[in-house]
Protein backbone atom coordinates (compact mmCIF):
# COMPACT_ATOMS: atom_id res chain seq x y z
CA MET A 1 0.31 -52.05 24.22
CA ASN A 2 -1.99 -54.93 23.25
CA ILE A 3 -1.43 -56.29 19.74
CA ALA A 4 -4.31 -58.38 18.41
CA LYS A 5 -3.32 -61.89 17.47
CA PRO A 6 -4.05 -62.76 13.84
CA LYS A 7 -7.08 -64.85 13.06
CA ARG A 8 -6.43 -68.57 12.79
CA PRO A 9 -8.18 -69.92 9.71
CA ASP A 10 -8.96 -73.58 9.25
CA VAL A 11 -6.61 -75.22 6.73
CA LYS A 12 -7.08 -78.61 5.08
CA GLY A 13 -4.35 -80.02 2.82
CA PHE A 14 -4.87 -82.60 0.07
CA PHE A 15 -1.75 -84.45 -1.12
CA GLU A 16 -1.76 -85.44 -4.81
CA LYS A 17 0.79 -88.26 -5.00
CA ARG A 18 1.25 -88.38 -8.79
CA THR A 19 2.82 -84.89 -8.87
CA PHE A 20 3.69 -84.61 -5.16
CA SER A 21 1.44 -81.54 -5.02
CA VAL A 22 -0.51 -80.20 -2.06
CA GLN A 23 -3.84 -78.50 -2.64
CA TYR A 24 -5.48 -76.47 0.09
CA VAL A 25 -8.84 -75.34 1.37
CA VAL A 26 -8.49 -72.39 3.74
CA SER A 27 -11.69 -71.29 5.45
CA ASP A 28 -12.90 -68.55 7.75
CA PRO A 29 -14.46 -70.28 10.79
CA GLY A 30 -17.00 -67.55 11.45
CA SER A 31 -18.54 -67.20 7.98
CA LYS A 32 -17.62 -70.65 6.55
CA LYS A 33 -16.40 -68.95 3.39
CA CYS A 34 -13.34 -70.59 1.86
CA ALA A 35 -10.65 -70.33 -0.77
CA ILE A 36 -9.21 -73.26 -2.72
CA ILE A 37 -5.49 -72.93 -3.45
CA ASP A 38 -3.61 -74.58 -6.36
CA PRO A 39 -6.09 -77.32 -7.33
CA VAL A 40 -4.81 -80.20 -9.48
CA LEU A 41 -6.46 -81.67 -12.58
CA ASP A 42 -5.43 -85.33 -12.73
CA PHE A 43 -3.45 -86.16 -15.88
CA GLU A 44 -1.84 -89.44 -16.90
CA GLU A 45 0.74 -88.58 -19.51
CA LYS A 46 1.18 -92.06 -21.02
CA SER A 47 -2.46 -92.42 -22.01
CA GLY A 48 -3.36 -88.74 -22.22
CA SER A 49 -6.18 -89.31 -19.72
CA THR A 50 -7.65 -86.57 -17.53
CA ALA A 51 -9.75 -87.00 -14.40
CA THR A 52 -11.06 -84.97 -11.47
CA ALA A 53 -10.55 -87.33 -8.52
CA SER A 54 -8.23 -84.88 -6.74
CA VAL A 55 -10.64 -81.96 -6.84
CA ASP A 56 -13.64 -84.20 -6.25
CA ALA A 57 -12.10 -84.95 -2.85
CA ILE A 58 -11.88 -81.20 -2.22
CA LEU A 59 -15.49 -80.68 -3.21
CA SER A 60 -16.60 -83.53 -0.94
CA TYR A 61 -14.77 -81.88 1.97
CA VAL A 62 -16.29 -78.49 1.18
CA GLU A 63 -19.77 -80.01 1.10
CA ALA A 64 -19.25 -82.02 4.30
CA GLU A 65 -18.02 -78.93 6.17
CA ARG A 66 -20.76 -76.75 4.66
CA LEU A 67 -18.22 -74.30 3.28
CA GLU A 68 -18.86 -71.70 0.61
CA PRO A 69 -16.04 -71.39 -1.99
CA VAL A 70 -15.42 -67.73 -2.79
CA TRP A 71 -11.94 -67.76 -4.36
CA ILE A 72 -9.80 -70.16 -6.38
CA LEU A 73 -6.23 -68.95 -5.86
CA GLU A 74 -3.22 -69.84 -7.97
CA THR A 75 0.22 -69.11 -6.55
CA HIS A 76 1.79 -69.22 -10.03
CA LEU A 77 1.64 -70.96 -13.40
CA HIS A 78 2.62 -74.51 -12.51
CA ALA A 79 5.09 -76.51 -14.60
CA ASP A 80 4.47 -79.85 -12.93
CA HIS A 81 0.70 -80.27 -12.94
CA LEU A 82 -2.37 -79.13 -14.80
CA THR A 83 -4.60 -76.74 -12.88
CA ALA A 84 -8.20 -77.60 -12.14
CA ALA A 85 -9.14 -73.93 -11.62
CA ALA A 86 -11.47 -73.76 -14.62
CA HIS A 87 -13.20 -77.00 -13.61
CA LEU A 88 -13.71 -75.76 -10.05
CA LYS A 89 -15.05 -72.43 -11.28
CA ARG A 90 -17.70 -74.28 -13.29
CA LYS A 91 -18.59 -76.41 -10.26
CA THR A 92 -18.64 -73.71 -7.58
CA GLY A 93 -18.94 -70.29 -9.22
CA ALA A 94 -15.92 -69.07 -7.21
CA SER A 95 -13.69 -66.41 -8.77
CA THR A 96 -10.25 -67.36 -10.10
CA VAL A 97 -7.21 -65.32 -9.05
CA ILE A 98 -3.53 -65.27 -10.05
CA GLY A 99 -0.67 -62.75 -9.81
CA GLU A 100 -0.66 -59.83 -12.22
CA ARG A 101 2.82 -60.62 -13.56
CA THR A 102 1.46 -63.86 -14.99
CA VAL A 103 0.97 -61.99 -18.27
CA ASP A 104 4.76 -61.89 -18.74
CA ILE A 105 4.91 -65.68 -18.54
CA GLN A 106 1.95 -66.03 -20.91
CA LYS A 107 3.84 -63.95 -23.48
CA PHE A 108 6.85 -66.28 -23.29
CA TRP A 109 4.84 -69.48 -23.65
CA LYS A 110 2.51 -68.27 -26.41
CA ASP A 111 5.61 -67.96 -28.59
CA ILE A 112 6.85 -71.43 -27.60
CA PHE A 113 3.48 -72.91 -28.64
CA ASN A 114 3.18 -70.64 -31.71
CA TRP A 115 -0.16 -69.17 -30.68
CA PRO A 116 0.00 -65.70 -32.30
CA ASP A 117 -3.65 -64.96 -31.57
CA PHE A 118 -3.55 -66.05 -27.91
CA PRO A 119 -4.53 -63.13 -25.63
CA ALA A 120 -1.59 -62.90 -23.20
CA ASP A 121 -3.43 -60.41 -21.01
CA GLY A 122 -4.57 -62.43 -18.00
CA SER A 123 -8.18 -62.38 -19.17
CA GLN A 124 -8.38 -66.14 -18.52
CA TRP A 125 -8.78 -65.38 -14.80
CA ASP A 126 -11.39 -63.30 -13.02
CA HIS A 127 -8.81 -61.22 -11.18
CA LEU A 128 -5.08 -60.46 -11.49
CA ILE A 129 -3.91 -59.68 -7.98
CA ARG A 130 -1.29 -57.05 -7.18
CA ASP A 131 1.51 -57.16 -4.62
CA GLY A 132 0.05 -56.07 -1.28
CA GLU A 133 -3.58 -56.33 -2.42
CA SER A 134 -6.13 -57.97 -0.12
CA LEU A 135 -9.29 -59.99 -0.72
CA ARG A 136 -12.13 -60.54 1.72
CA LEU A 137 -12.78 -64.05 3.00
CA GLY A 138 -15.78 -63.64 5.27
CA GLU A 139 -14.46 -62.17 8.52
CA SER A 140 -10.86 -62.81 7.40
CA GLU A 141 -8.60 -61.29 4.79
CA ILE A 142 -6.29 -62.77 2.14
CA GLU A 143 -3.16 -60.73 1.52
CA ALA A 144 -1.11 -61.31 -1.64
CA ARG A 145 2.65 -60.79 -1.59
CA LEU A 146 4.72 -61.04 -4.75
CA SER A 147 7.42 -63.69 -4.17
CA PRO A 148 9.57 -63.82 -7.32
CA GLY A 149 12.44 -66.24 -7.72
CA HIS A 150 10.98 -69.60 -8.66
CA THR A 151 9.06 -67.66 -11.32
CA PRO A 152 8.81 -63.88 -11.73
CA ALA A 153 5.07 -64.03 -11.04
CA SER A 154 4.93 -66.26 -7.94
CA VAL A 155 2.58 -65.06 -5.20
CA THR A 156 2.43 -65.93 -1.48
CA TYR A 157 -1.00 -65.75 0.14
CA VAL A 158 -1.31 -64.83 3.83
CA VAL A 159 -4.55 -65.59 5.67
CA GLY A 160 -4.37 -64.78 9.36
CA ASP A 161 -1.47 -66.84 10.74
CA ALA A 162 -1.34 -69.13 7.67
CA ILE A 163 1.17 -68.48 4.89
CA PHE A 164 0.82 -70.36 1.58
CA VAL A 165 4.26 -70.29 -0.06
CA HIS A 166 3.96 -73.06 -2.68
CA ASP A 167 7.29 -73.37 -4.59
CA THR A 168 9.22 -70.77 -2.57
CA LEU A 169 9.97 -72.93 0.49
CA PHE A 170 9.51 -76.66 0.93
CA MET A 171 9.54 -78.51 4.23
CA PRO A 172 12.75 -77.77 6.15
CA ASP A 173 14.32 -81.13 5.26
CA TYR A 174 13.96 -80.45 1.52
CA GLY A 175 14.94 -76.78 1.22
CA ALA A 176 13.80 -74.27 -1.36
CA ALA A 177 12.58 -74.12 -4.94
CA ARG A 178 14.49 -74.28 -8.20
CA THR A 179 15.10 -71.02 -10.08
CA ASP A 180 16.10 -72.19 -13.56
CA PHE A 181 12.73 -71.64 -15.25
CA PRO A 182 12.36 -68.67 -17.63
CA GLY A 183 12.48 -65.53 -15.49
CA GLY A 184 13.65 -67.42 -12.40
CA ASP A 185 16.31 -65.80 -10.22
CA ALA A 186 18.14 -67.22 -7.19
CA ARG A 187 18.83 -63.81 -5.64
CA ALA A 188 15.19 -62.82 -6.02
CA LEU A 189 14.19 -66.10 -4.37
CA TRP A 190 16.49 -65.37 -1.41
CA ARG A 191 14.85 -61.97 -0.95
CA SER A 192 11.37 -63.51 -1.19
CA ILE A 193 12.30 -66.09 1.42
CA GLN A 194 13.61 -63.41 3.76
CA ASP A 195 10.33 -61.50 3.34
CA ILE A 196 8.43 -64.63 4.37
CA LEU A 197 10.74 -65.40 7.29
CA ALA A 198 10.10 -61.92 8.71
CA PHE A 199 6.70 -63.10 9.95
CA PRO A 200 6.41 -64.19 13.62
CA ASP A 201 7.95 -67.56 14.46
CA ASP A 202 4.60 -69.16 15.30
CA PHE A 203 2.99 -68.40 11.94
CA ARG A 204 2.16 -71.55 9.99
CA VAL A 205 3.87 -72.23 6.63
CA PHE A 206 2.08 -74.36 4.03
CA THR A 207 4.15 -75.54 1.07
CA GLY A 208 2.87 -76.69 -2.30
CA HIS A 209 4.90 -79.85 -2.83
CA ASP A 210 6.47 -82.56 -0.75
CA TYR A 211 8.88 -85.01 -2.36
CA LEU A 212 9.08 -87.43 0.59
CA PRO A 213 12.84 -87.20 1.31
CA HIS A 214 14.31 -90.37 2.84
CA GLY A 215 10.99 -92.11 2.21
CA ARG A 216 9.07 -90.33 4.99
CA ARG A 217 5.32 -89.74 4.85
CA PRO A 218 3.97 -86.62 3.13
CA LEU A 219 4.24 -83.41 5.17
CA TRP A 220 3.30 -79.86 4.25
CA GLU A 221 2.95 -77.75 7.40
CA SER A 222 5.78 -76.14 9.34
CA THR A 223 6.30 -72.82 11.15
CA ILE A 224 8.39 -69.76 10.46
CA GLY A 225 10.56 -70.66 13.45
CA GLU A 226 11.15 -74.18 12.14
CA GLN A 227 12.03 -72.88 8.69
CA LYS A 228 14.52 -70.35 10.07
CA ALA A 229 16.20 -72.93 12.31
CA ASN A 230 16.17 -76.02 10.12
CA ASN A 231 15.67 -75.36 6.41
CA ILE A 232 18.62 -77.10 4.76
CA HIS A 233 19.02 -74.46 2.05
CA VAL A 234 18.41 -71.37 4.18
CA ALA A 235 19.34 -71.86 7.85
CA ASN A 236 22.74 -70.34 8.75
CA LYS A 237 23.34 -69.37 5.11
CA THR A 238 24.34 -66.02 3.65
CA GLU A 239 22.75 -64.75 0.47
CA ALA A 240 25.90 -65.60 -1.49
CA GLU A 241 25.99 -69.13 -0.08
CA PHE A 242 22.33 -69.66 -0.89
CA VAL A 243 22.71 -68.38 -4.46
CA ALA A 244 25.76 -70.58 -5.08
CA LEU A 245 23.99 -73.64 -3.67
CA ARG A 246 20.81 -72.96 -5.63
CA GLN A 247 22.56 -72.33 -8.94
CA ALA A 248 24.75 -75.42 -8.61
CA ARG A 249 21.75 -77.62 -7.82
CA ASP A 250 19.66 -76.15 -10.64
CA LYS A 251 22.32 -77.17 -13.17
CA THR A 252 21.68 -80.82 -12.32
CA LEU A 253 17.88 -80.80 -12.64
CA THR A 254 15.88 -82.15 -15.55
CA MET A 255 12.77 -80.35 -16.75
CA PRO A 256 9.54 -81.37 -15.01
CA LYS A 257 7.99 -84.21 -16.98
CA LEU A 258 4.67 -82.39 -17.40
CA ILE A 259 5.99 -78.91 -18.17
CA LEU A 260 4.89 -78.85 -21.82
CA PRO A 261 1.40 -80.27 -21.28
CA ALA A 262 0.94 -78.24 -18.10
CA LEU A 263 1.92 -74.82 -19.38
CA GLN A 264 -0.29 -74.91 -22.46
CA VAL A 265 -3.27 -75.65 -20.23
CA ASN A 266 -2.26 -73.44 -17.31
CA ILE A 267 -1.66 -70.26 -19.31
CA ARG A 268 -5.30 -70.71 -20.41
CA GLY A 269 -6.45 -70.67 -16.79
CA GLY A 270 -7.03 -74.43 -16.83
CA LEU A 271 -9.15 -74.58 -19.97
CA LEU A 272 -8.31 -77.61 -22.10
CA PRO A 273 -7.76 -77.14 -25.85
CA GLU A 274 -10.92 -76.91 -27.91
CA PRO A 275 -12.05 -80.18 -29.53
CA GLU A 276 -10.98 -80.66 -33.13
CA SER A 277 -13.21 -81.86 -35.98
CA ASN A 278 -13.23 -85.42 -34.65
CA GLY A 279 -14.34 -84.29 -31.20
CA ARG A 280 -10.98 -84.99 -29.53
CA ARG A 281 -8.76 -82.50 -27.74
CA TYR A 282 -5.02 -82.43 -28.46
CA LEU A 283 -1.97 -81.15 -26.61
CA LYS A 284 0.95 -79.76 -28.57
CA ILE A 285 4.58 -80.72 -27.94
CA PRO A 286 7.15 -78.32 -29.49
CA LEU A 287 10.30 -80.20 -30.48
CA ASP A 288 13.78 -78.90 -29.57
CA ALA A 289 12.42 -75.70 -28.04
CA PHE A 290 14.88 -75.88 -25.12
CA PRO A 291 18.37 -76.69 -26.43
CA GLY A 292 20.72 -77.77 -23.68
CA ALA A 293 18.00 -79.16 -21.43
CA ILE A 294 19.27 -82.02 -19.29
CA TRP A 295 17.99 -85.41 -20.39
CA ASP A 296 16.33 -87.71 -17.91
CA GLU A 297 18.26 -90.98 -18.21
CA GLN A 298 15.54 -93.09 -16.59
CA HIS A 299 13.73 -95.47 -18.93
């Protein structure tokens, strides 16, 4: 029996060094239609400055390659960077997409920020994607797979032989994602990882962060085979061993430095707060909302 090999889309990664994030453009070679995954809005927390240099580089690539953006895909609500999805939608007209369980996370954070009138219904995006749902990308297809664990709403996108896992798996020498955010679950993350590792060994895995362990250069592409053989948190581990390792490590981690600015922008689909009477926009920092959070001792 002949089994057709999956299409091999073109994938271009863009490393954003301030937050160690990787943004992607995945394109269908035949039609030149593309999707932009997890774009970053530049934010400098000390001055409160925003910029678009990171996504400008993406737009320059799209223009140079004569690609047509169709989708702007978010794998989840990020706690470590502000999304540029709304900015890219204005620039390209592409539709914004995020997982349908995002509404549960919106409900949590609207209470943290005391936004009683905030519509926690996902209406900030053009489409809430379901587990197993597919989107057309020219002659290719984007399949969404719910991958809870890091957050309850995390989504993996599969395009041909390319799997975009963001905060589920990192490069093999760094392991897997933390699970101590609201709704996170180490056992759910293990099951999500096993679902991903069930793909053929030669499928490409694209992760959403790289923290440069041991000072190496940024990397973001591996294969299923490499992850199964070498991932330091997963290879040769049982579920119980993974859960124990993950929970012990999570107890030592501080909160991401941008979590409070990021979530109040990201639950709005990337829209910044409306200007106040003086024309300036303001972010809101709730005090003592997370008792017991580990302090970062760096000064």
